[in-house]
Amino acid sequence: PPQLEYAGASPVQLRFLRLHSRLATQEVSYSCRPAPEQGQPQPEKEIRFLADSREQSYAASLQGCVLDNESSITDTIFQFATEELSLLPLRDLAVFHNGDTSHQFGFTVGPVCFS
């Protein structure tokens, strides 16, 4: 199955960064636009982010989109920070919902930063 890819970040480079770092951070932005005919908030959705170790994941709830105007886009920013460096970068994500397809949504996955 497709997973998140990070151009230029080889396993050797990630190992080197982890050896010389104490903290890893990463942001993921969730953007959604409700359908124009939907004036009511959409139900909450659960999202899971798969850690780089592939043995753990993060879970969160997403509030539904609300239409404020014709081009309303709602953004939610997830910020990850950990001293357990094997958890980042994120490798996959999944959204669990009740089959609601009345809005558009997408994710922007930011770079992982080691410090």
Protein backbone atom coordinates (compact mmCIF):
# COMPACT_ATOMS: atom_id res chain seq x y z
CA PRO A 1 0.00 0.00 0.00
CA PRO A 2 1.19 3.56 -0.68
CA GLN A 3 2.78 5.36 2.23
CA LEU A 4 4.09 8.85 2.83
CA GLU A 5 7.42 9.42 1.13
CA TYR A 6 10.13 11.94 1.98
CA ALA A 7 12.34 12.86 -0.99
CA GLY A 8 16.02 12.72 -0.15
CA ALA A 9 15.52 11.10 3.26
CA SER A 10 17.20 7.71 2.99
CA PRO A 11 17.19 5.24 5.90
CA VAL A 12 20.92 5.94 6.40
CA GLN A 13 20.31 9.70 6.61
CA LEU A 14 17.43 9.25 9.06
CA ARG A 15 19.59 6.98 11.24
CA PHE A 16 22.37 9.60 11.28
CA LEU A 17 19.91 12.38 12.20
CA ARG A 18 18.50 10.29 15.04
CA LEU A 19 21.98 9.56 16.42
CA HIS A 20 22.74 13.28 16.66
CA SER A 21 19.35 14.59 17.85
CA ARG A 22 17.25 14.67 20.99
CA LEU A 23 13.89 15.82 19.58
CA ALA A 24 11.86 15.23 16.42
CA THR A 25 8.94 17.42 15.31
CA GLN A 26 6.49 17.36 12.41
CA GLU A 27 3.25 19.11 11.43
CA VAL A 28 0.30 17.85 9.40
CA SER A 29 -2.42 20.20 8.18
CA TYR A 30 -5.96 18.92 7.53
CA SER A 31 -8.03 21.15 5.23
CA CYS A 32 -11.70 20.65 4.47
CA ARG A 33 -14.45 22.39 2.54
CA PRO A 34 -18.07 21.37 3.21
CA ALA A 35 -20.58 21.01 0.40
CA PRO A 36 -22.54 24.27 -0.16
CA GLU A 37 -25.85 22.63 0.68
CA GLN A 38 -24.53 21.53 4.05
CA GLY A 39 -25.10 24.25 6.63
CA GLN A 40 -24.73 21.94 9.59
CA PRO A 41 -21.45 20.77 11.11
CA GLN A 42 -20.30 17.40 9.83
CA PRO A 43 -19.85 14.55 12.30
CA GLU A 44 -16.49 14.05 13.98
CA LYS A 45 -14.03 11.79 12.24
CA GLU A 46 -11.22 9.77 13.74
CA ILE A 47 -7.76 9.95 12.21
CA ARG A 48 -4.76 7.74 12.83
CA PHE A 49 -1.16 8.53 11.96
CA LEU A 50 1.27 5.61 11.57
CA ALA A 51 4.66 6.15 13.23
CA ASP A 52 7.93 5.45 11.41
CA SER A 53 8.50 2.43 13.66
CA ARG A 54 5.23 1.06 12.21
CA GLU A 55 4.57 -0.43 15.65
CA GLN A 56 2.76 2.59 17.10
CA SER A 57 0.29 5.17 15.91
CA TYR A 58 -1.19 8.45 17.04
CA ALA A 59 -4.99 8.87 17.16
CA ALA A 60 -7.03 12.08 17.10
CA SER A 61 -10.55 13.32 16.42
CA LEU A 62 -11.41 15.83 13.70
CA GLN A 63 -14.26 18.27 14.16
CA GLY A 64 -16.65 18.49 11.22
CA CYS A 65 -16.43 21.26 8.63
CA VAL A 66 -18.80 24.23 8.91
CA LEU A 67 -19.70 26.43 5.94
CA ASP A 68 -19.00 30.11 6.72
CA ASN A 69 -19.06 31.41 3.14
CA GLU A 70 -18.81 30.07 -0.43
CA SER A 71 -15.05 29.45 -0.35
CA SER A 72 -14.76 28.53 3.31
CA ILE A 73 -11.90 26.18 4.03
CA THR A 74 -11.29 24.97 7.56
CA ASP A 75 -7.73 24.07 8.60
CA THR A 76 -6.67 21.95 11.55
CA ILE A 77 -2.96 21.66 12.39
CA PHE A 78 -1.62 18.56 14.12
CA GLN A 79 1.77 19.10 15.78
CA PHE A 80 3.91 16.13 16.73
CA ALA A 81 6.94 16.44 19.01
CA THR A 82 8.73 13.48 20.56
CA GLU A 83 11.98 12.46 22.20
CA GLU A 84 11.30 8.90 20.97
CA LEU A 85 12.95 9.56 17.62
CA SER A 86 11.85 6.30 15.98
CA LEU A 87 8.26 7.62 15.80
CA LEU A 88 8.89 10.29 13.18
CA PRO A 89 8.60 10.86 10.28
CA LEU A 90 4.99 9.77 9.96
CA ARG A 91 4.55 6.98 7.42
CA ASP A 92 0.80 6.80 6.77
CA LEU A 93 -2.55 8.20 7.83
CA ALA A 94 -6.13 6.97 7.76
CA VAL A 95 -9.44 8.78 8.25
CA PHE A 96 -12.34 6.82 9.71
CA HIS A 97 -15.83 8.22 9.11
CA ASN A 98 -19.45 7.18 8.69
CA GLY A 99 -19.40 7.20 4.89
CA ASP A 100 -20.12 10.94 4.67
CA THR A 101 -18.89 12.22 1.29
CA SER A 102 -20.48 15.68 1.40
CA HIS A 103 -17.24 17.61 1.74
CA GLN A 104 -13.77 17.77 0.22
CA PHE A 105 -10.70 17.32 2.38
CA GLY A 106 -6.96 16.91 2.09
CA PHE A 107 -3.75 16.76 4.07
CA THR A 108 -0.46 18.62 3.80
CA VAL A 109 2.37 16.74 5.48
CA GLY A 110 5.22 18.96 6.61
CA PRO A 111 8.89 18.02 6.89
CA VAL A 112 10.24 16.21 9.91
CA CYS A 113 12.78 18.26 11.88
CA PHE A 114 15.43 16.74 14.13
CA SER A 115 17.16 18.87 16.76
